[in-house]
PDB file of N, CA and C in Angstrom:
ATOM      1  N   MET A   1     -12.183 -18.897   0.651  1.00  0.00           N
ATOM      2  CA  MET A   1     -11.624 -18.232   0.253  1.00  0.00           C
ATOM      3  C   MET A   1     -10.034 -17.888   1.041  1.00  0.00           C
ATOM      4  N   SER A   2      -9.329 -17.307  -0.604  1.00  0.00           N
ATOM      5  CA  SER A   2      -7.862 -17.722   0.133  1.00  0.00           C
ATOM      6  C   SER A   2      -6.987 -16.538   0.336  1.00  0.00           C
ATOM      7  N   GLN A   3      -6.120 -16.607   1.056  1.00  0.00           N
ATOM      8  CA  GLN A   3      -5.249 -15.433   1.245  1.00  0.00           C
ATOM      9  C   GLN A   3      -4.422 -15.202   0.029  1.00  0.00           C
ATOM     10  N   VAL A   4      -4.737 -13.300  -0.164  1.00  0.00           N
ATOM     11  CA  VAL A   4      -3.622 -12.891  -1.235  1.00  0.00           C
ATOM     12  C   VAL A   4      -2.818 -12.051  -0.672  1.00  0.00           C
ATOM     13  N   ALA A   5      -1.562 -11.801  -1.106  1.00  0.00           N
ATOM     14  CA  ALA A   5      -0.751 -10.784  -0.307  1.00  0.00           C
ATOM     15  C   ALA A   5      -0.480  -9.809  -1.596  1.00  0.00           C
ATOM     16  N   VAL A   6       0.273  -8.226  -1.139  1.00  0.00           N
ATOM     17  CA  VAL A   6      -0.143  -7.440  -2.180  1.00  0.00           C
ATOM     18  C   VAL A   6       1.831  -6.725  -2.048  1.00  0.00           C
ATOM     19  N   VAL A   7       2.328  -6.255  -2.973  1.00  0.00           N
ATOM     20  CA  VAL A   7       3.279  -5.478  -2.977  1.00  0.00           C
ATOM     21  C   VAL A   7       3.040  -4.672  -3.366  1.00  0.00           C
ATOM     22  N   SER A   8       2.990  -2.900  -3.066  1.00  0.00           N
ATOM     23  CA  SER A   8       3.060  -1.482  -3.590  1.00  0.00           C
ATOM     24  C   SER A   8       3.817  -1.190  -3.544  1.00  0.00           C
ATOM     25  N   ILE A   9       4.534  -1.082  -4.915  1.00  0.00           N
ATOM     26  CA  ILE A   9       6.031  -0.398  -4.830  1.00  0.00           C
ATOM     27  C   ILE A   9       5.628   1.726  -5.398  1.00  0.00           C
ATOM     28  N   ASN A  10       6.505   2.471  -4.234  1.00  0.00           N
ATOM     29  CA  ASN A  10       5.800   3.713  -4.507  1.00  0.00           C
ATOM     30  C   ASN A  10       6.959   4.507  -4.586  1.00  0.00           C
ATOM     31  N   THR A  11       7.223   5.127  -5.646  1.00  0.00           N
ATOM     32  CA  THR A  11       8.451   5.620  -5.917  1.00  0.00           C
ATOM     33  C   THR A  11       7.351   7.657  -5.710  1.00  0.00           C
ATOM     34  N   ALA A  12       8.087   8.650  -5.071  1.00  0.00           N
ATOM     35  CA  ALA A  12       8.380   9.818  -4.763  1.00  0.00           C
ATOM     36  C   ALA A  12       8.607  10.594  -5.783  1.00  0.00           C
ATOM     37  N   LYS A  13       7.867  11.531  -6.037  1.00  0.00           N
ATOM     38  CA  LYS A  13       8.209  12.528  -6.887  1.00  0.00           C
ATOM     39  C   LYS A  13       9.544  12.948  -6.197  1.00  0.00           C
ATOM     40  N   PRO A  14      10.993  13.654  -7.055  1.00  0.00           N
ATOM     41  CA  PRO A  14      11.660  14.384  -6.573  1.00  0.00           C
ATOM     42  C   PRO A  14      11.368  16.064  -5.753  1.00  0.00           C
ATOM     43  N   GLY A  15      11.755  15.275  -4.724  1.00  0.00           N
ATOM     44  CA  GLY A  15      11.403  16.328  -3.696  1.00  0.00           C
ATOM     45  C   GLY A  15      10.398  16.288  -2.770  1.00  0.00           C
ATOM     46  N   GLN A  16       9.329  15.409  -3.225  1.00  0.00           N
ATOM     47  CA  GLN A  16       8.209  14.697  -2.498  1.00  0.00           C
ATOM     48  C   GLN A  16       8.141  13.677  -1.810  1.00  0.00           C
ATOM     49  N   GLU A  17       9.559  13.454  -1.064  1.00  0.00           N
ATOM     50  CA  GLU A  17       9.739  12.413  -0.531  1.00  0.00           C
ATOM     51  C   GLU A  17       8.485  12.501   1.323  1.00  0.00           C
ATOM     52  N   ALA A  18       9.197  13.345   1.517  1.00  0.00           N
ATOM     53  CA  ALA A  18       8.550  13.457   3.255  1.00  0.00           C
ATOM     54  C   ALA A  18       7.136  13.729   2.767  1.00  0.00           C
ATOM     55  N   LYS A  19       6.050  14.558   1.901  1.00  0.00           N
ATOM     56  CA  LYS A  19       5.203  14.713   1.705  1.00  0.00           C
ATOM     57  C   LYS A  19       4.440  13.164   1.054  1.00  0.00           C
ATOM     58  N   LEU A  20       5.092  12.403   0.568  1.00  0.00           N
ATOM     59  CA  LEU A  20       4.619  11.345   0.195  1.00  0.00           C
ATOM     60  C   LEU A  20       4.779   9.692   1.247  1.00  0.00           C
ATOM     61  N   GLU A  21       5.632   9.846   2.126  1.00  0.00           N
ATOM     62  CA  GLU A  21       6.108   9.325   3.587  1.00  0.00           C
ATOM     63  C   GLU A  21       4.589   9.480   4.677  1.00  0.00           C
ATOM     64  N   ALA A  22       4.533  11.052   4.440  1.00  0.00           N
ATOM     65  CA  ALA A  22       3.790  10.994   5.926  1.00  0.00           C
ATOM     66  C   ALA A  22       1.865  10.607   4.793  1.00  0.00           C
ATOM     67  N   ALA A  23       1.868  10.896   3.581  1.00  0.00           N
ATOM     68  CA  ALA A  23       0.892  10.472   3.604  1.00  0.00           C
ATOM     69  C   ALA A  23       0.571   9.000   3.290  1.00  0.00           C
ATOM     70  N   LEU A  24       1.510   7.830   2.696  1.00  0.00           N
ATOM     71  CA  LEU A  24       1.430   6.363   3.167  1.00  0.00           C
ATOM     72  C   LEU A  24       1.467   6.445   4.472  1.00  0.00           C
ATOM     73  N   GLN A  25       2.225   6.538   5.750  1.00  0.00           N
ATOM     74  CA  GLN A  25       2.025   6.301   6.992  1.00  0.00           C
ATOM     75  C   GLN A  25       0.466   6.883   7.267  1.00  0.00           C
ATOM     76  N   ALA A  26       0.033   7.661   6.662  1.00  0.00           N
ATOM     77  CA  ALA A  26      -1.911   7.907   7.364  1.00  0.00           C
ATOM     78  C   ALA A  26      -2.514   6.621   6.834  1.00  0.00           C
ATOM     79  N   LEU A  27      -2.165   6.149   5.673  1.00  0.00           N
ATOM     80  CA  LEU A  27      -2.826   4.648   5.658  1.00  0.00           C
ATOM     81  C   LEU A  27      -2.342   3.860   6.342  1.00  0.00           C
ATOM     82  N   VAL A  28      -1.379   3.308   7.133  1.00  0.00           N
ATOM     83  CA  VAL A  28      -1.431   2.118   7.599  1.00  0.00           C
ATOM     84  C   VAL A  28      -1.977   1.881   9.315  1.00  0.00           C
ATOM     85  N   GLU A  29      -2.338   2.382  10.079  1.00  0.00           N
ATOM     86  CA  GLU A  29      -3.359   2.340  11.414  1.00  0.00           C
ATOM     87  C   GLU A  29      -4.823   1.839  10.354  1.00  0.00           C
ATOM     88  N   PRO A  30      -5.397   3.048   9.897  1.00  0.00           N
ATOM     89  CA  PRO A  30      -6.691   2.844   9.561  1.00  0.00           C
ATOM     90  C   PRO A  30      -7.053   1.414   7.993  1.00  0.00           C
ATOM     91  N   SER A  31      -5.785   1.134   7.822  1.00  0.00           N
ATOM     92  CA  SER A  31      -6.176  -0.360   6.878  1.00  0.00           C
ATOM     93  C   SER A  31      -5.856  -1.112   7.889  1.00  0.00           C
ATOM     94  N   ARG A  32      -4.614  -0.964   8.785  1.00  0.00           N
ATOM     95  CA  ARG A  32      -5.008  -2.452   9.538  1.00  0.00           C
ATOM     96  C   ARG A  32      -6.099  -2.436  10.183  1.00  0.00           C
ATOM     97  N   ARG A  33      -6.651  -1.801  10.807  1.00  0.00           N
ATOM     98  CA  ARG A  33      -8.285  -1.856  10.849  1.00  0.00           C
ATOM     99  C   ARG A  33      -9.464  -2.818  10.116  1.00  0.00           C
ATOM    100  N   ASP A  34      -9.097  -2.223   8.731  1.00  0.00           N
ATOM    101  CA  ASP A  34      -9.958  -2.745   7.655  1.00  0.00           C
ATOM    102  C   ASP A  34     -10.264  -4.319   7.688  1.00  0.00           C
ATOM    103  N   ALA A  35     -11.538  -4.926   7.407  1.00  0.00           N
ATOM    104  CA  ALA A  35     -11.683  -6.434   7.662  1.00  0.00           C
ATOM    105  C   ALA A  35     -10.663  -7.210   6.886  1.00  0.00           C
ATOM    106  N   GLY A  36     -10.164  -8.044   7.292  1.00  0.00           N
ATOM    107  CA  GLY A  36      -9.845  -8.801   6.628  1.00  0.00           C
ATOM    108  C   GLY A  36      -8.317  -9.010   6.620  1.00  0.00           C
ATOM    109  N   CYS A  37      -7.566  -7.119   7.009  1.00  0.00           N
ATOM    110  CA  CYS A  37      -6.366  -7.221   6.839  1.00  0.00           C
ATOM    111  C   CYS A  37      -5.436  -7.928   8.469  1.00  0.00           C
ATOM    112  N   ILE A  38      -4.535  -8.805   7.462  1.00  0.00           N
ATOM    113  CA  ILE A  38      -3.571  -9.546   8.570  1.00  0.00           C
ATOM    114  C   ILE A  38      -2.180  -8.836   8.084  1.00  0.00           C
ATOM    115  N   THR A  39      -1.610  -7.932   7.639  1.00  0.00           N
ATOM    116  CA  THR A  39      -0.138  -7.275   7.967  1.00  0.00           C
ATOM    117  C   THR A  39      -0.762  -6.286   7.021  1.00  0.00           C
ATOM    118  N   TYR A  40      -0.014  -5.178   7.359  1.00  0.00           N
ATOM    119  CA  TYR A  40      -0.122  -4.199   6.209  1.00  0.00           C
ATOM    120  C   TYR A  40       1.194  -3.095   7.287  1.00  0.00           C
ATOM    121  N   ASP A  41       2.027  -3.186   6.090  1.00  0.00           N
ATOM    122  CA  ASP A  41       3.235  -2.873   7.029  1.00  0.00           C
ATOM    123  C   ASP A  41       4.381  -2.202   5.633  1.00  0.00           C
ATOM    124  N   LEU A  42       4.409  -0.645   6.305  1.00  0.00           N
ATOM    125  CA  LEU A  42       5.452   0.292   5.238  1.00  0.00           C
ATOM    126  C   LEU A  42       6.897  -0.238   5.343  1.00  0.00           C
ATOM    127  N   HIS A  43       7.744  -0.228   4.297  1.00  0.00           N
ATOM    128  CA  HIS A  43       9.036  -0.392   4.092  1.00  0.00           C
ATOM    129  C   HIS A  43       9.721   0.887   3.453  1.00  0.00           C
ATOM    130  N   ARG A  44      10.779   1.160   3.548  1.00  0.00           N
ATOM    131  CA  ARG A  44      11.641   2.037   2.699  1.00  0.00           C
ATOM    132  C   ARG A  44      12.578   1.267   2.204  1.00  0.00           C
ATOM    133  N   ASP A  45      12.921   2.006   0.559  1.00  0.00           N
ATOM    134  CA  ASP A  45      13.951   1.194  -0.262  1.00  0.00           C
ATOM    135  C   ASP A  45      15.196   1.462   0.440  1.00  0.00           C
ATOM    136  N   ILE A  46      16.305   0.668   0.417  1.00  0.00           N
ATOM    137  CA  ILE A  46      18.053   0.836   1.152  1.00  0.00           C
ATOM    138  C   ILE A  46      18.362   1.966   0.589  1.00  0.00           C
ATOM    139  N   LYS A  47      18.468   1.640  -1.033  1.00  0.00           N
ATOM    140  CA  LYS A  47      19.184   1.986  -2.175  1.00  0.00           C
ATOM    141  C   LYS A  47      18.440   3.422  -2.548  1.00  0.00           C
ATOM    142  N   ASP A  48      17.567   3.114  -2.206  1.00  0.00           N
ATOM    143  CA  ASP A  48      16.461   4.470  -3.150  1.00  0.00           C
ATOM    144  C   ASP A  48      15.450   5.335  -2.131  1.00  0.00           C
ATOM    145  N   PRO A  49      16.090   5.945  -1.590  1.00  0.00           N
ATOM    146  CA  PRO A  49      15.131   6.723   0.088  1.00  0.00           C
ATOM    147  C   PRO A  49      13.393   7.446  -0.990  1.00  0.00           C
ATOM    148  N   ARG A  50      13.480   7.409  -1.929  1.00  0.00           N
ATOM    149  CA  ARG A  50      11.920   8.103  -2.869  1.00  0.00           C
ATOM    150  C   ARG A  50      10.944   7.137  -3.009  1.00  0.00           C
ATOM    151  N   THR A  51      11.509   5.918  -2.485  1.00  0.00           N
ATOM    152  CA  THR A  51      10.834   4.334  -3.083  1.00  0.00           C
ATOM    153  C   THR A  51      10.507   4.024  -1.397  1.00  0.00           C
ATOM    154  N   PHE A  52       8.826   3.638  -1.545  1.00  0.00           N
ATOM    155  CA  PHE A  52       8.896   3.073  -0.617  1.00  0.00           C
ATOM    156  C   PHE A  52       7.692   1.818  -1.010  1.00  0.00           C
ATOM    157  N   VAL A  53       7.632   0.637  -0.063  1.00  0.00           N
ATOM    158  CA  VAL A  53       6.828  -0.586  -0.619  1.00  0.00           C
ATOM    159  C   VAL A  53       6.089  -0.903   0.789  1.00  0.00           C
ATOM    160  N   PHE A  54       4.908  -1.038   0.598  1.00  0.00           N
ATOM    161  CA  PHE A  54       3.678  -1.761   1.041  1.00  0.00           C
ATOM    162  C   PHE A  54       4.138  -3.497   1.250  1.00  0.00           C
ATOM    163  N   ILE A  55       3.870  -4.242   2.361  1.00  0.00           N
ATOM    164  CA  ILE A  55       3.658  -5.437   1.653  1.00  0.00           C
ATOM    165  C   ILE A  55       2.554  -5.972   3.229  1.00  0.00           C
ATOM    166  N   GLU A  56       1.648  -6.478   2.043  1.00  0.00           N
ATOM    167  CA  GLU A  56       0.185  -6.386   3.064  1.00  0.00           C
ATOM    168  C   GLU A  56      -0.087  -7.806   2.837  1.00  0.00           C
ATOM    169  N   LEU A  57      -0.467  -8.397   3.340  1.00  0.00           N
ATOM    170  CA  LEU A  57      -1.502  -9.844   3.460  1.00  0.00           C
ATOM    171  C   LEU A  57      -2.783  -9.623   3.518  1.00  0.00           C
ATOM    172  N   TRP A  58      -3.622 -10.364   2.632  1.00  0.00           N
ATOM    173  CA  TRP A  58      -5.320 -10.143   3.286  1.00  0.00           C
ATOM    174  C   TRP A  58      -5.898 -11.539   3.441  1.00  0.00           C
ATOM    175  N   GLU A  59      -6.931 -11.690   4.024  1.00  0.00           N
ATOM    176  CA  GLU A  59      -7.706 -13.142   4.120  1.00  0.00           C
ATOM    177  C   GLU A  59      -8.322 -13.328   2.850  1.00  0.00           C
ATOM    178  N   SER A  60      -8.858 -12.250   1.838  1.00  0.00           N
ATOM    179  CA  SER A  60      -9.164 -12.450   0.832  1.00  0.00           C
ATOM    180  C   SER A  60      -9.077 -11.684  -0.356  1.00  0.00           C
ATOM    181  N   ALA A  61      -9.216 -12.223  -1.507  1.00  0.00           N
ATOM    182  CA  ALA A  61      -9.247 -11.064  -2.277  1.00  0.00           C
ATOM    183  C   ALA A  61     -10.509 -10.136  -2.655  1.00  0.00           C
ATOM    184  N   GLU A  62     -11.322 -10.759  -1.861  1.00  0.00           N
ATOM    185  CA  GLU A  62     -13.052 -10.171  -2.106  1.00  0.00           C
ATOM    186  C   GLU A  62     -12.541  -8.544  -0.330  1.00  0.00           C
ATOM    187  N   LEU A  63     -12.064  -9.201   0.326  1.00  0.00           N
ATOM    188  CA  LEU A  63     -11.787  -8.126   1.832  1.00  0.00           C
ATOM    189  C   LEU A  63     -10.387  -7.075   1.195  1.00  0.00           C
ATOM    190  N   LEU A  64     -10.069  -7.691   0.333  1.00  0.00           N
ATOM    191  CA  LEU A  64      -8.821  -6.576  -0.388  1.00  0.00           C
ATOM    192  C   LEU A  64      -9.737  -5.221  -1.073  1.00  0.00           C
ATOM    193  N   GLN A  65     -10.626  -5.945  -1.806  1.00  0.00           N
ATOM    194  CA  GLN A  65     -11.385  -5.141  -2.911  1.00  0.00           C
ATOM    195  C   GLN A  65     -12.248  -4.077  -2.062  1.00  0.00           C
ATOM    196  N   VAL A  66     -12.743  -4.652  -0.991  1.00  0.00           N
ATOM    197  CA  VAL A  66     -13.144  -3.713  -0.193  1.00  0.00           C
ATOM    198  C   VAL A  66     -12.781  -2.936   0.597  1.00  0.00           C
ATOM    199  N   HIS A  67     -11.273  -2.704   1.292  1.00  0.00           N
ATOM    200  CA  HIS A  67     -10.216  -2.030   1.437  1.00  0.00           C
ATOM    201  C   HIS A  67      -9.894  -1.017   0.417  1.00  0.00           C
ATOM    202  N   SER A  68      -9.743  -1.731  -0.807  1.00  0.00           N
ATOM    203  CA  SER A  68      -9.557  -0.586  -2.074  1.00  0.00           C
ATOM    204  C   SER A  68      -9.918   0.635  -2.167  1.00  0.00           C
ATOM    205  N   GLN A  69     -11.648   0.336  -1.326  1.00  0.00           N
ATOM    206  CA  GLN A  69     -12.993   1.456  -1.796  1.00  0.00           C
ATOM    207  C   GLN A  69     -13.028   2.364  -0.649  1.00  0.00           C
ATOM    208  N   ALA A  70     -12.187   2.356   0.570  1.00  0.00           N
ATOM    209  CA  ALA A  70     -12.288   2.512   1.898  1.00  0.00           C
ATOM    210  C   ALA A  70     -12.196   4.400   1.275  1.00  0.00           C
ATOM    211  N   ALA A  71     -12.592   4.775   2.858  1.00  0.00           N
ATOM    212  CA  ALA A  71     -11.995   5.942   2.907  1.00  0.00           C
ATOM    213  C   ALA A  71     -10.852   6.928   2.526  1.00  0.00           C
ATOM    214  N   HIS A  72     -10.462   5.919   3.702  1.00  0.00           N
ATOM    215  CA  HIS A  72      -8.586   6.718   3.329  1.00  0.00           C
ATOM    216  C   HIS A  72      -7.632   5.763   2.363  1.00  0.00           C
ATOM    217  N   VAL A  73      -7.872   4.971   1.768  1.00  0.00           N
ATOM    218  CA  VAL A  73      -7.500   4.982   0.426  1.00  0.00           C
ATOM    219  C   VAL A  73      -8.046   6.287  -1.020  1.00  0.00           C
ATOM    220  N   ALA A  74      -9.376   5.977  -0.588  1.00  0.00           N
ATOM    221  CA  ALA A  74      -9.571   7.507  -1.879  1.00  0.00           C
ATOM    222  C   ALA A  74      -9.070   8.398  -1.307  1.00  0.00           C
ATOM    223  N   VAL A  75      -8.517   8.677  -0.117  1.00  0.00           N
ATOM    224  CA  VAL A  75      -8.059  10.422   0.339  1.00  0.00           C
ATOM    225  C   VAL A  75      -6.658  10.250  -0.393  1.00  0.00           C
ATOM    226  N   PHE A  76      -5.794   8.864  -0.258  1.00  0.00           N
ATOM    227  CA  PHE A  76      -4.195   8.653  -0.629  1.00  0.00           C
ATOM    228  C   PHE A  76      -4.342   9.238  -2.019  1.00  0.00           C
ATOM    229  N   ARG A  77      -5.655   8.650  -2.835  1.00  0.00           N
ATOM    230  CA  ARG A  77      -5.575   8.459  -4.126  1.00  0.00           C
ATOM    231  C   ARG A  77      -6.157  10.128  -4.922  1.00  0.00           C
ATOM    232  N   GLY A  78      -6.836  10.253  -3.836  1.00  0.00           N
ATOM    233  CA  GLY A  78      -6.224  12.488  -4.111  1.00  0.00           C
ATOM    234  C   GLY A  78      -5.358  13.142  -4.594  1.00  0.00           C
ATOM    235  N   GLN A  79      -4.640  12.566  -3.341  1.00  0.00           N
ATOM    236  CA  GLN A  79      -3.238  13.301  -3.259  1.00  0.00           C
ATOM    237  C   GLN A  79      -2.004  13.059  -4.435  1.00  0.00           C
ATOM    238  N   ALA A  80      -1.748  11.503  -4.124  1.00  0.00           N
ATOM    239  CA  ALA A  80      -1.294  10.682  -5.017  1.00  0.00           C
ATOM    240  C   ALA A  80      -0.282  11.353  -6.796  1.00  0.00           C
ATOM    241  N   PRO A  81      -1.300  12.043  -7.116  1.00  0.00           N
ATOM    242  CA  PRO A  81      -0.846  12.573  -8.718  1.00  0.00           C
ATOM    243  C   PRO A  81       0.273  13.531  -8.373  1.00  0.00           C
ATOM    244  N   GLU A  82       0.007  14.369  -6.860  1.00  0.00           N
ATOM    245  CA  GLU A  82       1.200  15.513  -6.922  1.00  0.00           C
ATOM    246  C   GLU A  82       2.228  14.641  -6.285  1.00  0.00           C
ATOM    247  N   LEU A  83       2.133  13.745  -5.331  1.00  0.00           N
ATOM    248  CA  LEU A  83       3.044  13.079  -4.955  1.00  0.00           C
ATOM    249  C   LEU A  83       4.250  12.068  -5.450  1.00  0.00           C
ATOM    250  N   LEU A  84       3.163  11.210  -6.168  1.00  0.00           N
ATOM    251  CA  LEU A  84       3.998  10.200  -7.478  1.00  0.00           C
ATOM    252  C   LEU A  84       4.611  10.451  -8.531  1.00  0.00           C
ATOM    253  N   GLU A  85       5.682   9.535  -8.637  1.00  0.00           N
ATOM    254  CA  GLU A  85       6.195   9.461 -10.111  1.00  0.00           C
ATOM    255  C   GLU A  85       6.019   8.224 -10.840  1.00  0.00           C
ATOM    256  N   ASN A  86       5.827   7.461  -9.388  1.00  0.00           N
ATOM    257  CA  ASN A  86       5.642   5.848 -10.205  1.00  0.00           C
ATOM    258  C   ASN A  86       5.091   5.018  -9.057  1.00  0.00           C
ATOM    259  N   SER A  87       4.282   4.407  -9.255  1.00  0.00           N
ATOM    260  CA  SER A  87       3.058   3.106  -8.502  1.00  0.00           C
ATOM    261  C   SER A  87       3.029   1.909  -9.541  1.00  0.00           C
ATOM    262  N   ILE A  88       3.333   0.964  -8.539  1.00  0.00           N
ATOM    263  CA  ILE A  88       3.656  -0.629  -9.401  1.00  0.00           C
ATOM    264  C   ILE A  88       2.681  -1.347  -8.194  1.00  0.00           C
ATOM    265  N   LEU A  89       1.188  -2.172  -8.611  1.00  0.00           N
ATOM    266  CA  LEU A  89       0.860  -2.545  -7.839  1.00  0.00           C
ATOM    267  C   LEU A  89       0.631  -4.113  -8.145  1.00  0.00           C
ATOM    268  N   ARG A  90       1.283  -5.097  -7.384  1.00  0.00           N
ATOM    269  CA  ARG A  90       1.032  -6.900  -7.487  1.00  0.00           C
ATOM    270  C   ARG A  90       0.643  -7.117  -6.523  1.00  0.00           C
ATOM    271  N   VAL A  91      -0.728  -7.721  -6.882  1.00  0.00           N
ATOM    272  CA  VAL A  91      -1.320  -9.210  -6.049  1.00  0.00           C
ATOM    273  C   VAL A  91      -1.079 -10.087  -6.486  1.00  0.00           C
ATOM    274  N   LEU A  92      -0.780 -11.221  -5.548  1.00  0.00           N
ATOM    275  CA  LEU A  92      -0.348 -12.757  -5.747  1.00  0.00           C
ATOM    276  C   LEU A  92      -1.004 -13.300  -4.530  1.00  0.00           C
ATOM    277  N   ASP A  93      -0.957 -14.861  -5.330  1.00  0.00           N
ATOM    278  CA  ASP A  93      -1.173 -15.632  -4.326  1.00  0.00           C
ATOM    279  C   ASP A  93       0.048 -16.612  -4.409  1.00  0.00           C
ATOM    280  N   LYS A  94      -0.572 -16.889  -2.955  1.00  0.00           N
ATOM    281  CA  LYS A  94       0.471 -18.108  -2.466  1.00  0.00           C
ATOM    282  C   LYS A  94       0.539 -19.422  -2.438  1.00  0.00           C
ATOM    283  N   LEU A  95       1.549 -19.847  -3.740  1.00  0.00           N
ATOM    284  CA  LEU A  95       1.816 -20.890  -3.797  1.00  0.00           C
ATOM    285  C   LEU A  95       1.777 -22.061  -2.804  1.00  0.00           C
ATOM    286  N   PRO A  96       1.272 -23.384  -3.322  1.00  0.00           N
ATOM    287  CA  PRO A  96       1.762 -24.607  -2.052  1.00  0.00           C
ATOM    288  C   PRO A  96       3.390 -24.954  -1.852  1.00  0.00           C
ATOM    289  N   GLY A  97       3.597 -25.423  -0.331  1.00  0.00           N
ATOM    290  CA  GLY A  97       5.016 -25.833  -0.284  1.00  0.00           C
ATOM    291  C   GLY A  97       5.982 -24.943   0.597  1.00  0.00           C
TER     292      GLY A  97
END
């Protein structure tokens, strides 16, 4: 099993920045406790304060998949349509070197 990185870019609908930030913050601690989580950090874009970015590192794609089905992720998915203007998810393999 090889590690996978995740970059998740989430842009709030206008006026929903604070609610989106709170919803994303609510994911941090339970996700860090999920099996296989190495890093799970939330950032805000310096030039666009409506945009929040997760940078994650997981022990394997399989454990990332388990995380994606966790209850706390399901709660966020239920909130997302009201809060998100756009969301981009990239799952990355680390290259040697």
